[in-house]
Amino acid sequence: MKRVFFFAFIFCGFLSFAPGQPNRERPPAEAEGVKPESFAPFPLGPLLVMSRQKTIVWRPDWDSAIPPDGFRVSPGTADSIDLSVRDRTYRVRWNTDGSPAEFPFWGQGQFVQVEATYGPSGDIQGLVITGSAETGRVDFIKDNIARITQGDAVCFAAVRWGPLEIAETWYDSEGTALADFRSRICNAGGEPRLLGVASRYEEKEETYYYDSFGNISEIRSSEGVFSALYTGEQQPRYWTRGAEHHTLQWDARGLAVRVSSGETPETRYEYTVDLHGNWTERREIRMISQQGMLVPNPGATVKRTIAYKKGG
């Protein structure tokens, strides 16, 4: 049975295309005894885009238990945020340059935690990716060559970052091409924005649509269609996840206070807010029907631990 490389779930392409350029830059054969079937390649492009963004952007394909404003605080005020939802903690940590040193990453309905390291010029040097299986590493060793390791298995990718796309070709240790990926990108306010991913390894779909403010308004993938319509303050007002339809209401402080989902009675939220005006605890109050009346019933609690910058 083939060994499945756990990163495979991260992203799949939105269309198939012809093989890459014939004069590819081939990586050094540093690992021996590793066969191509040891790997299920995955696109690095989406991870590299996330490593360049200063904020964690909410996506309509997130688990609905994660608050849409779970990683939103006043810009530049926080060193880290730990968001505890159910039995999982999502962590965001920024370095002194404001680049994300650690962040959660979603793809195809799955989750990994990523740690990023940067060189003196701010270029990405490596990624440590932790999911439900083994921890893996992506190290950029020279001339845009990435070495990907998980346990004893090793693979390589030649990565070329251009103004409109991130192109990458994966190889086994002997230099045989395994897969090609193209991540379409654009520039938005000085930060890269992902538009779509093309794959020659798998033929699934992942396409993104944005509104005029840069919010993700729709995601179409093999997992379904996810969409959102935003308020003037850039918070989701309507949110659709497959058959789930949510309507959200926000108060003047920018806190979500009510959500309704079709025929289901509404859910309300109460908060504990710190001295900076950011919430640290969100308590769910589910309205249930009893004898023809809506009665409040305590639900889940989401907690945030925010470490602020000195002087913030």
C-alpha atoms as a PDB file:
ATOM      1  CA  MET A   1       0.000   0.000   0.000  1.00  0.00           C
ATOM      2  CA  LYS A   2       1.315   3.453  -0.848  1.00  0.00           C
ATOM      3  CA  ARG A   3       2.371   5.672   1.987  1.00  0.00           C
ATOM      4  CA  VAL A   4       0.201   8.787   2.053  1.00  0.00           C
ATOM      5  CA  PHE A   5       1.998  12.054   2.713  1.00  0.00           C
ATOM      6  CA  PHE A   6      -0.212  13.989   5.128  1.00  0.00           C
ATOM      7  CA  PHE A   7       0.088  17.335   3.350  1.00  0.00           C
ATOM      8  CA  ALA A   8      -1.932  15.992   0.428  1.00  0.00           C
ATOM      9  CA  PHE A   9      -5.176  17.362   1.814  1.00  0.00           C
ATOM     10  CA  ILE A  10      -4.014  20.990   1.888  1.00  0.00           C
ATOM     11  CA  PHE A  11      -4.952  22.147  -1.622  1.00  0.00           C
ATOM     12  CA  CYS A  12      -5.954  20.699  -4.982  1.00  0.00           C
ATOM     13  CA  GLY A  13      -6.003  22.470  -8.340  1.00  0.00           C
ATOM     14  CA  PHE A  14      -8.902  24.187 -10.066  1.00  0.00           C
ATOM     15  CA  LEU A  15      -7.983  22.910 -13.558  1.00  0.00           C
ATOM     16  CA  SER A  16      -5.473  20.581 -15.161  1.00  0.00           C
ATOM     17  CA  PHE A  17      -2.834  21.805 -17.599  1.00  0.00           C
ATOM     18  CA  ALA A  18       0.057  20.660 -19.750  1.00  0.00           C
ATOM     19  CA  PRO A  19       3.417  19.675 -18.206  1.00  0.00           C
ATOM     20  CA  GLY A  20       5.813  22.424 -17.187  1.00  0.00           C
ATOM     21  CA  GLN A  21       8.762  23.858 -19.083  1.00  0.00           C
ATOM     22  CA  PRO A  22      11.170  21.289 -20.566  1.00  0.00           C
ATOM     23  CA  ASN A  23      14.281  23.092 -19.220  1.00  0.00           C
ATOM     24  CA  ARG A  24      13.343  22.841 -15.572  1.00  0.00           C
ATOM     25  CA  GLU A  25      15.816  23.552 -12.827  1.00  0.00           C
ATOM     26  CA  ARG A  26      16.393  20.161 -11.274  1.00  0.00           C
ATOM     27  CA  PRO A  27      17.197  19.705  -7.568  1.00  0.00           C
ATOM     28  CA  PRO A  28      20.223  17.901  -6.207  1.00  0.00           C
ATOM     29  CA  ALA A  29      19.803  14.185  -5.534  1.00  0.00           C
ATOM     30  CA  GLU A  30      20.500  14.441  -1.810  1.00  0.00           C
ATOM     31  CA  ALA A  31      18.280  11.620  -0.606  1.00  0.00           C
ATOM     32  CA  GLU A  32      18.666   7.989  -1.594  1.00  0.00           C
ATOM     33  CA  GLY A  33      16.260   5.117  -1.562  1.00  0.00           C
ATOM     34  CA  VAL A  34      13.138   7.290  -1.641  1.00  0.00           C
ATOM     35  CA  LYS A  35      10.719   6.259  -4.368  1.00  0.00           C
ATOM     36  CA  PRO A  36       8.151   8.598  -5.988  1.00  0.00           C
ATOM     37  CA  GLU A  37       5.225   6.680  -4.477  1.00  0.00           C
ATOM     38  CA  SER A  38       6.392   7.762  -1.003  1.00  0.00           C
ATOM     39  CA  PHE A  39       4.880  11.203  -1.619  1.00  0.00           C
ATOM     40  CA  ALA A  40       1.563  12.751  -2.484  1.00  0.00           C
ATOM     41  CA  PRO A  41       2.714  16.265  -3.580  1.00  0.00           C
ATOM     42  CA  PHE A  42       0.815  19.368  -2.465  1.00  0.00           C
ATOM     43  CA  PRO A  43       0.991  23.020  -3.604  1.00  0.00           C
ATOM     44  CA  LEU A  44       3.388  25.183  -1.615  1.00  0.00           C
ATOM     45  CA  GLY A  45       2.029  28.377  -3.190  1.00  0.00           C
ATOM     46  CA  PRO A  46      -0.923  28.917  -0.804  1.00  0.00           C
ATOM     47  CA  LEU A  47       1.361  28.502   2.212  1.00  0.00           C
ATOM     48  CA  LEU A  48       3.877  30.980   0.783  1.00  0.00           C
ATOM     49  CA  VAL A  49       1.095  33.506   0.144  1.00  0.00           C
ATOM     50  CA  MET A  50      -0.103  33.156   3.734  1.00  0.00           C
ATOM     51  CA  SER A  51       3.445  33.700   5.026  1.00  0.00           C
ATOM     52  CA  ARG A  52       3.498  37.116   3.294  1.00  0.00           C
ATOM     53  CA  GLN A  53       0.189  38.330   4.702  1.00  0.00           C
ATOM     54  CA  LYS A  54       0.196  40.394   7.876  1.00  0.00           C
ATOM     55  CA  THR A  55      -3.288  39.352   8.972  1.00  0.00           C
ATOM     56  CA  ILE A  56      -5.245  36.101   9.047  1.00  0.00           C
ATOM     57  CA  VAL A  57      -8.127  36.564   6.626  1.00  0.00           C
ATOM     58  CA  TRP A  58     -11.429  34.868   7.489  1.00  0.00           C
ATOM     59  CA  ARG A  59     -12.683  32.375   4.885  1.00  0.00           C
ATOM     60  CA  PRO A  60     -16.236  31.071   4.467  1.00  0.00           C
ATOM     61  CA  ASP A  61     -14.971  27.462   4.390  1.00  0.00           C
ATOM     62  CA  TRP A  62     -13.716  27.659   7.978  1.00  0.00           C
ATOM     63  CA  ASP A  63     -15.354  25.445  10.580  1.00  0.00           C
ATOM     64  CA  SER A  64     -18.509  27.324  11.586  1.00  0.00           C
ATOM     65  CA  ALA A  65     -17.492  26.988  15.260  1.00  0.00           C
ATOM     66  CA  ILE A  66     -14.570  29.395  14.638  1.00  0.00           C
ATOM     67  CA  PRO A  67     -15.713  33.011  15.124  1.00  0.00           C
ATOM     68  CA  PRO A  68     -15.302  35.116  11.958  1.00  0.00           C
ATOM     69  CA  ASP A  69     -13.459  37.711  14.062  1.00  0.00           C
ATOM     70  CA  GLY A  70     -11.407  35.133  15.961  1.00  0.00           C
ATOM     71  CA  PHE A  71      -8.081  36.598  14.747  1.00  0.00           C
ATOM     72  CA  ARG A  72      -9.173  40.213  14.373  1.00  0.00           C
ATOM     73  CA  VAL A  73      -7.639  42.784  16.717  1.00  0.00           C
ATOM     74  CA  SER A  74      -6.428  46.340  16.208  1.00  0.00           C
ATOM     75  CA  PRO A  75      -3.686  46.156  13.529  1.00  0.00           C
ATOM     76  CA  GLY A  76      -0.133  45.956  14.868  1.00  0.00           C
ATOM     77  CA  THR A  77      -1.139  45.693  18.526  1.00  0.00           C
ATOM     78  CA  ALA A  78      -0.731  41.961  19.183  1.00  0.00           C
ATOM     79  CA  ASP A  79       2.288  39.666  19.329  1.00  0.00           C
ATOM     80  CA  SER A  80       0.165  36.510  19.380  1.00  0.00           C
ATOM     81  CA  ILE A  81      -3.384  35.192  19.597  1.00  0.00           C
ATOM     82  CA  ASP A  82      -4.396  31.773  20.925  1.00  0.00           C
ATOM     83  CA  LEU A  83      -7.956  30.871  19.959  1.00  0.00           C
ATOM     84  CA  SER A  84      -9.416  27.893  21.846  1.00  0.00           C
ATOM     85  CA  VAL A  85     -12.379  26.289  20.078  1.00  0.00           C
ATOM     86  CA  ARG A  86     -13.772  22.998  21.347  1.00  0.00           C
ATOM     87  CA  ASP A  87     -10.713  20.813  21.989  1.00  0.00           C
ATOM     88  CA  ARG A  88      -8.370  22.620  19.545  1.00  0.00           C
ATOM     89  CA  THR A  89      -6.222  25.727  19.843  1.00  0.00           C
ATOM     90  CA  TYR A  90      -5.383  27.854  16.799  1.00  0.00           C
ATOM     91  CA  ARG A  91      -2.324  30.052  17.258  1.00  0.00           C
ATOM     92  CA  VAL A  92      -1.122  33.134  15.408  1.00  0.00           C
ATOM     93  CA  ARG A  93       2.229  34.683  16.269  1.00  0.00           C
ATOM     94  CA  TRP A  94       3.986  37.572  14.525  1.00  0.00           C
ATOM     95  CA  ASN A  95       7.713  38.328  14.464  1.00  0.00           C
ATOM     96  CA  THR A  96       9.263  41.756  15.048  1.00  0.00           C
ATOM     97  CA  ASP A  97       8.810  42.649  11.364  1.00  0.00           C
ATOM     98  CA  GLY A  98       5.094  41.926  11.508  1.00  0.00           C
ATOM     99  CA  SER A  99       5.383  38.745   9.420  1.00  0.00           C
ATOM    100  CA  PRO A 100       3.499  35.675  10.673  1.00  0.00           C
ATOM    101  CA  ALA A 101       5.904  33.369  12.497  1.00  0.00           C
ATOM    102  CA  GLU A 102       3.124  30.895  13.248  1.00  0.00           C
ATOM    103  CA  PHE A 103      -0.367  30.570  11.813  1.00  0.00           C
ATOM    104  CA  PRO A 104      -3.213  28.117  11.247  1.00  0.00           C
ATOM    105  CA  PHE A 105      -3.907  27.037   7.684  1.00  0.00           C
ATOM    106  CA  TRP A 106      -7.056  25.554   6.152  1.00  0.00           C
ATOM    107  CA  GLY A 107      -7.459  23.663   2.887  1.00  0.00           C
ATOM    108  CA  GLN A 108     -10.154  21.277   1.647  1.00  0.00           C
ATOM    109  CA  GLY A 109     -11.849  21.480   5.062  1.00  0.00           C
ATOM    110  CA  GLN A 110      -8.676  20.354   6.860  1.00  0.00           C
ATOM    111  CA  PHE A 111      -6.353  22.125   9.289  1.00  0.00           C
ATOM    112  CA  VAL A 112      -2.613  22.345   9.923  1.00  0.00           C
ATOM    113  CA  GLN A 113      -0.490  24.612  12.102  1.00  0.00           C
ATOM    114  CA  VAL A 114       2.466  26.243  10.350  1.00  0.00           C
ATOM    115  CA  GLU A 115       5.662  27.786  11.744  1.00  0.00           C
ATOM    116  CA  ALA A 116       7.646  30.002   9.371  1.00  0.00           C
ATOM    117  CA  THR A 117      11.260  31.162   9.532  1.00  0.00           C
ATOM    118  CA  TYR A 118      12.682  34.084   7.565  1.00  0.00           C
ATOM    119  CA  GLY A 119      16.110  35.255   6.458  1.00  0.00           C
ATOM    120  CA  PRO A 120      17.670  38.687   7.187  1.00  0.00           C
ATOM    121  CA  SER A 121      16.055  40.165   4.049  1.00  0.00           C
ATOM    122  CA  GLY A 122      12.626  38.851   5.005  1.00  0.00           C
ATOM    123  CA  ASP A 123      12.608  35.991   2.489  1.00  0.00           C
ATOM    124  CA  ILE A 124      11.020  32.747   3.613  1.00  0.00           C
ATOM    125  CA  GLN A 125      13.588  30.126   4.640  1.00  0.00           C
ATOM    126  CA  GLY A 126      11.480  27.265   5.900  1.00  0.00           C
ATOM    127  CA  LEU A 127       8.135  25.968   7.118  1.00  0.00           C
ATOM    128  CA  VAL A 128       7.317  23.420   9.801  1.00  0.00           C
ATOM    129  CA  ILE A 129       3.855  21.949   9.203  1.00  0.00           C
ATOM    130  CA  THR A 130       2.031  20.049  11.925  1.00  0.00           C
ATOM    131  CA  GLY A 131      -1.229  18.255  11.176  1.00  0.00           C
ATOM    132  CA  SER A 132      -3.092  15.245  12.490  1.00  0.00           C
ATOM    133  CA  ALA A 133      -0.260  12.965  11.321  1.00  0.00           C
ATOM    134  CA  GLU A 134       3.517  13.452  11.392  1.00  0.00           C
ATOM    135  CA  THR A 135       5.210  16.827  11.427  1.00  0.00           C
ATOM    136  CA  GLY A 136       6.864  17.776   8.140  1.00  0.00           C
ATOM    137  CA  ARG A 137       9.374  20.390   7.034  1.00  0.00           C
ATOM    138  CA  VAL A 138       9.844  22.565   3.969  1.00  0.00           C
ATOM    139  CA  ASP A 139      13.361  24.036   3.725  1.00  0.00           C
ATOM    140  CA  PHE A 140      14.471  26.366   0.928  1.00  0.00           C
ATOM    141  CA  ILE A 141      18.037  25.190   0.470  1.00  0.00           C
ATOM    142  CA  LYS A 142      19.265  27.200  -2.554  1.00  0.00           C
ATOM    143  CA  ASP A 143      18.128  28.971  -5.724  1.00  0.00           C
ATOM    144  CA  ASN A 144      14.415  28.530  -4.970  1.00  0.00           C
ATOM    145  CA  ILE A 145      14.791  24.789  -4.385  1.00  0.00           C
ATOM    146  CA  ALA A 146      12.661  23.454  -1.526  1.00  0.00           C
ATOM    147  CA  ARG A 147      13.381  20.198   0.270  1.00  0.00           C
ATOM    148  CA  ILE A 148      10.281  18.594   1.778  1.00  0.00           C
ATOM    149  CA  THR A 149      10.754  15.972   4.476  1.00  0.00           C
ATOM    150  CA  GLN A 150       8.496  13.834   6.604  1.00  0.00           C
ATOM    151  CA  GLY A 151      10.213  11.243   8.708  1.00  0.00           C
ATOM    152  CA  ASP A 152      12.762   9.478   6.480  1.00  0.00           C
ATOM    153  CA  ALA A 153      10.974  10.449   3.254  1.00  0.00           C
ATOM    154  CA  VAL A 154      12.442  13.304   1.178  1.00  0.00           C
ATOM    155  CA  CYS A 155      11.227  15.128  -1.916  1.00  0.00           C
ATOM    156  CA  PHE A 156      12.154  18.377  -3.731  1.00  0.00           C
ATOM    157  CA  ALA A 157      10.325  21.233  -5.432  1.00  0.00           C
ATOM    158  CA  ALA A 158      11.606  23.962  -7.759  1.00  0.00           C
ATOM    159  CA  VAL A 159       9.608  27.104  -6.896  1.00  0.00           C
ATOM    160  CA  ARG A 160       9.420  30.181  -9.141  1.00  0.00           C
ATOM    161  CA  TRP A 161       7.577  33.229  -7.756  1.00  0.00           C
ATOM    162  CA  GLY A 162       6.415  35.689 -10.420  1.00  0.00           C
ATOM    163  CA  PRO A 163       4.089  38.723 -10.344  1.00  0.00           C
ATOM    164  CA  LEU A 164       1.042  36.687 -11.440  1.00  0.00           C
ATOM    165  CA  GLU A 165       1.755  33.169 -10.244  1.00  0.00           C
ATOM    166  CA  ILE A 166       3.840  30.875  -8.084  1.00  0.00           C
ATOM    167  CA  ALA A 167       4.979  27.970 -10.288  1.00  0.00           C
ATOM    168  CA  GLU A 168       6.417  24.828  -8.754  1.00  0.00           C
ATOM    169  CA  THR A 169       7.534  21.423  -9.984  1.00  0.00           C
ATOM    170  CA  TRP A 170       8.010  18.497  -7.619  1.00  0.00           C
ATOM    171  CA  TYR A 171      10.736  15.847  -8.054  1.00  0.00           C
ATOM    172  CA  ASP A 172      11.775  12.661  -6.374  1.00  0.00           C
ATOM    173  CA  SER A 173      15.341  12.262  -5.107  1.00  0.00           C
ATOM    174  CA  GLU A 174      16.554  11.102  -8.541  1.00  0.00           C
ATOM    175  CA  GLY A 175      15.222  14.181 -10.354  1.00  0.00           C
ATOM    176  CA  THR A 176      12.115  12.586 -11.879  1.00  0.00           C
ATOM    177  CA  ALA A 177       9.212  15.064 -12.099  1.00  0.00           C
ATOM    178  CA  LEU A 178       6.226  14.103  -9.950  1.00  0.00           C
ATOM    179  CA  ALA A 179       3.799  17.041 -10.203  1.00  0.00           C
ATOM    180  CA  ASP A 180       3.346  20.631 -11.360  1.00  0.00           C
ATOM    181  CA  PHE A 181       1.368  23.331  -9.538  1.00  0.00           C
ATOM    182  CA  ARG A 182       0.485  26.916 -10.475  1.00  0.00           C
ATOM    183  CA  SER A 183      -0.908  29.278  -7.841  1.00  0.00           C
ATOM    184  CA  ARG A 184      -2.490  32.328  -9.492  1.00  0.00           C
ATOM    185  CA  ILE A 185      -1.937  35.481  -7.428  1.00  0.00           C
ATOM    186  CA  CYS A 186      -2.346  39.246  -7.557  1.00  0.00           C
ATOM    187  CA  ASN A 187      -1.109  42.150  -5.452  1.00  0.00           C
ATOM    188  CA  ALA A 188      -3.557  43.744  -3.023  1.00  0.00           C
ATOM    189  CA  GLY A 189      -2.309  46.612  -0.877  1.00  0.00           C
ATOM    190  CA  GLY A 190       1.262  45.352  -0.979  1.00  0.00           C
ATOM    191  CA  GLU A 191       0.323  41.802  -0.032  1.00  0.00           C
ATOM    192  CA  PRO A 192      -0.146  38.809  -2.366  1.00  0.00           C
ATOM    193  CA  ARG A 193      -3.668  37.453  -2.751  1.00  0.00           C
ATOM    194  CA  LEU A 194      -4.420  33.905  -3.865  1.00  0.00           C
ATOM    195  CA  LEU A 195      -6.825  33.620  -6.823  1.00  0.00           C
ATOM    196  CA  GLY A 196      -6.684  29.926  -7.651  1.00  0.00           C
ATOM    197  CA  VAL A 197      -4.534  26.798  -7.814  1.00  0.00           C
ATOM    198  CA  ALA A 198      -3.893  24.697 -10.928  1.00  0.00           C
ATOM    199  CA  SER A 199      -2.624  21.140 -10.583  1.00  0.00           C
ATOM    200  CA  ARG A 200      -1.123  18.502 -12.867  1.00  0.00           C
ATOM    201  CA  TYR A 201      -1.146  16.009 -10.010  1.00  0.00           C
ATOM    202  CA  GLU A 202      -4.856  15.894  -9.215  1.00  0.00           C
ATOM    203  CA  GLU A 203      -7.846  17.264 -11.109  1.00  0.00           C
ATOM    204  CA  LYS A 204      -9.963  18.674  -8.290  1.00  0.00           C
ATOM    205  CA  GLU A 205     -11.097  22.297  -8.220  1.00  0.00           C
ATOM    206  CA  GLU A 206     -10.265  25.199  -5.893  1.00  0.00           C
ATOM    207  CA  THR A 207     -11.217  28.687  -7.104  1.00  0.00           C
ATOM    208  CA  TYR A 208     -11.535  31.940  -5.153  1.00  0.00           C
ATOM    209  CA  TYR A 209     -13.638  35.061  -5.734  1.00  0.00           C
ATOM    210  CA  TYR A 210     -13.175  38.378  -3.945  1.00  0.00           C
ATOM    211  CA  ASP A 211     -15.275  41.482  -3.420  1.00  0.00           C
ATOM    212  CA  SER A 212     -13.975  45.015  -4.071  1.00  0.00           C
ATOM    213  CA  PHE A 213     -12.595  45.236  -0.506  1.00  0.00           C
ATOM    214  CA  GLY A 214     -10.479  42.077  -0.803  1.00  0.00           C
ATOM    215  CA  ASN A 215     -12.777  39.814   1.237  1.00  0.00           C
ATOM    216  CA  ILE A 216     -13.250  36.235   0.037  1.00  0.00           C
ATOM    217  CA  SER A 217     -16.822  36.252  -1.240  1.00  0.00           C
ATOM    218  CA  GLU A 218     -16.875  32.711  -2.643  1.00  0.00           C
ATOM    219  CA  ILE A 219     -14.828  29.514  -2.735  1.00  0.00           C
ATOM    220  CA  ARG A 220     -15.660  26.743  -5.200  1.00  0.00           C
ATOM    221  CA  SER A 221     -13.972  23.400  -4.619  1.00  0.00           C
ATOM    222  CA  SER A 222     -14.563  19.684  -4.627  1.00  0.00           C
ATOM    223  CA  GLU A 223     -15.840  20.163  -1.083  1.00  0.00           C
ATOM    224  CA  GLY A 224     -18.687  22.407  -2.251  1.00  0.00           C
ATOM    225  CA  VAL A 225     -19.466  26.114  -2.590  1.00  0.00           C
ATOM    226  CA  PHE A 226     -18.844  28.522   0.304  1.00  0.00           C
ATOM    227  CA  SER A 227     -19.862  32.164   0.085  1.00  0.00           C
ATOM    228  CA  ALA A 228     -20.306  35.318   2.147  1.00  0.00           C
ATOM    229  CA  LEU A 229     -21.647  38.874   1.853  1.00  0.00           C
ATOM    230  CA  TYR A 230     -20.021  41.500   4.073  1.00  0.00           C
ATOM    231  CA  THR A 231     -21.058  44.579   6.020  1.00  0.00           C
ATOM    232  CA  GLY A 232     -19.506  48.007   5.481  1.00  0.00           C
ATOM    233  CA  GLU A 233     -17.130  47.139   8.355  1.00  0.00           C
ATOM    234  CA  GLN A 234     -15.938  44.051   6.429  1.00  0.00           C
ATOM    235  CA  GLN A 235     -17.664  41.536   8.696  1.00  0.00           C
ATOM    236  CA  PRO A 236     -19.718  38.693   7.145  1.00  0.00           C
ATOM    237  CA  ARG A 237     -23.446  39.447   7.170  1.00  0.00           C
ATOM    238  CA  TYR A 238     -24.606  36.359   5.259  1.00  0.00           C
ATOM    239  CA  TRP A 239     -22.590  33.159   5.216  1.00  0.00           C
ATOM    240  CA  THR A 240     -23.296  29.963   3.257  1.00  0.00           C
ATOM    241  CA  ARG A 241     -21.526  26.633   3.753  1.00  0.00           C
ATOM    242  CA  GLY A 242     -23.127  24.072   1.460  1.00  0.00           C
ATOM    243  CA  ALA A 243     -26.618  23.523   2.926  1.00  0.00           C
ATOM    244  CA  GLU A 244     -25.881  25.785   5.914  1.00  0.00           C
ATOM    245  CA  HIS A 245     -27.129  29.370   5.651  1.00  0.00           C
ATOM    246  CA  HIS A 246     -26.198  31.822   8.414  1.00  0.00           C
ATOM    247  CA  THR A 247     -27.317  35.404   8.952  1.00  0.00           C
ATOM    248  CA  LEU A 248     -25.121  37.383  11.366  1.00  0.00           C
ATOM    249  CA  GLN A 249     -25.814  40.569  13.288  1.00  0.00           C
ATOM    250  CA  TRP A 250     -23.027  42.803  14.657  1.00  0.00           C
ATOM    251  CA  ASP A 251     -23.242  45.503  17.316  1.00  0.00           C
ATOM    252  CA  ALA A 252     -21.665  48.968  17.335  1.00  0.00           C
ATOM    253  CA  ARG A 253     -18.495  47.570  18.965  1.00  0.00           C
ATOM    254  CA  GLY A 254     -17.959  45.212  16.038  1.00  0.00           C
ATOM    255  CA  LEU A 255     -18.925  42.084  17.995  1.00  0.00           C
ATOM    256  CA  ALA A 256     -21.174  39.360  16.568  1.00  0.00           C
ATOM    257  CA  VAL A 257     -24.229  39.275  18.844  1.00  0.00           C
ATOM    258  CA  ARG A 258     -26.698  37.090  16.951  1.00  0.00           C
ATOM    259  CA  VAL A 259     -26.746  34.433  14.223  1.00  0.00           C
ATOM    260  CA  SER A 260     -29.731  32.654  12.715  1.00  0.00           C
ATOM    261  CA  SER A 261     -29.645  29.616  10.436  1.00  0.00           C
ATOM    262  CA  GLY A 262     -32.800  29.024   8.419  1.00  0.00           C
ATOM    263  CA  GLU A 263     -35.454  27.210  10.425  1.00  0.00           C
ATOM    264  CA  THR A 264     -33.142  26.781  13.427  1.00  0.00           C
ATOM    265  CA  PRO A 265     -33.783  29.121  16.390  1.00  0.00           C
ATOM    266  CA  GLU A 266     -31.187  31.858  16.652  1.00  0.00           C
ATOM    267  CA  THR A 267     -27.960  31.770  18.650  1.00  0.00           C
ATOM    268  CA  ARG A 268     -26.828  34.775  20.674  1.00  0.00           C
ATOM    269  CA  TYR A 269     -23.395  35.667  22.058  1.00  0.00           C
ATOM    270  CA  GLU A 270     -22.131  37.384  25.193  1.00  0.00           C
ATOM    271  CA  TYR A 271     -18.535  38.589  25.619  1.00  0.00           C
ATOM    272  CA  THR A 272     -15.811  39.386  28.086  1.00  0.00           C
ATOM    273  CA  VAL A 273     -13.779  42.314  26.714  1.00  0.00           C
ATOM    274  CA  ASP A 274     -10.283  43.408  27.804  1.00  0.00           C
ATOM    275  CA  LEU A 275      -8.950  46.937  28.335  1.00  0.00           C
ATOM    276  CA  HIS A 276      -8.018  47.164  24.631  1.00  0.00           C
ATOM    277  CA  GLY A 277     -11.610  46.548  23.578  1.00  0.00           C
ATOM    278  CA  ASN A 278     -10.862  43.056  22.226  1.00  0.00           C
ATOM    279  CA  TRP A 279     -12.923  40.110  23.378  1.00  0.00           C
ATOM    280  CA  THR A 280     -11.227  37.334  25.346  1.00  0.00           C
ATOM    281  CA  GLU A 281     -14.244  35.069  25.868  1.00  0.00           C
ATOM    282  CA  ARG A 282     -17.341  34.469  23.761  1.00  0.00           C
ATOM    283  CA  ARG A 283     -20.244  32.615  25.373  1.00  0.00           C
ATOM    284  CA  GLU A 284     -22.874  31.017  23.184  1.00  0.00           C
ATOM    285  CA  ILE A 285     -26.531  31.253  24.176  1.00  0.00           C
ATOM    286  CA  ARG A 286     -28.737  28.937  22.134  1.00  0.00           C
ATOM    287  CA  MET A 287     -32.414  29.842  21.956  1.00  0.00           C
ATOM    288  CA  ILE A 288     -34.471  26.656  22.106  1.00  0.00           C
ATOM    289  CA  SER A 289     -38.211  26.253  21.696  1.00  0.00           C
ATOM    290  CA  GLN A 290     -40.122  25.051  24.765  1.00  0.00           C
ATOM    291  CA  GLN A 291     -43.909  25.049  24.866  1.00  0.00           C
ATOM    292  CA  GLY A 292     -44.069  27.588  22.077  1.00  0.00           C
ATOM    293  CA  MET A 293     -41.553  29.965  23.681  1.00  0.00           C
ATOM    294  CA  LEU A 294     -37.843  30.610  22.990  1.00  0.00           C
ATOM    295  CA  VAL A 295     -35.784  29.845  26.086  1.00  0.00           C
ATOM    296  CA  PRO A 296     -32.027  30.599  26.431  1.00  0.00           C
ATOM    297  CA  ASN A 297     -29.771  27.607  26.887  1.00  0.00           C
ATOM    298  CA  PRO A 298     -25.969  27.893  27.506  1.00  0.00           C
ATOM    299  CA  GLY A 299     -23.823  26.601  24.647  1.00  0.00           C
ATOM    300  CA  ALA A 300     -20.126  26.492  23.796  1.00  0.00           C
ATOM    301  CA  THR A 301     -17.526  28.972  25.046  1.00  0.00           C
ATOM    302  CA  VAL A 302     -14.654  30.209  22.870  1.00  0.00           C
ATOM    303  CA  LYS A 303     -11.631  31.780  24.579  1.00  0.00           C
ATOM    304  CA  ARG A 304      -8.859  34.008  23.246  1.00  0.00           C
ATOM    305  CA  THR A 305      -5.514  34.730  24.869  1.00  0.00           C
ATOM    306  CA  ILE A 306      -3.973  37.874  23.351  1.00  0.00           C
ATOM    307  CA  ALA A 307      -0.349  38.856  24.013  1.00  0.00           C
ATOM    308  CA  TYR A 308       0.110  42.553  23.223  1.00  0.00           C
ATOM    309  CA  LYS A 309       3.207  44.302  22.004  1.00  0.00           C
ATOM    310  CA  LYS A 310       5.098  46.352  24.568  1.00  0.00           C
ATOM    311  CA  GLY A 311       3.556  49.761  24.805  1.00  0.00           C
ATOM    312  CA  GLY A 312       0.446  48.497  22.969  1.00  0.00           C
END
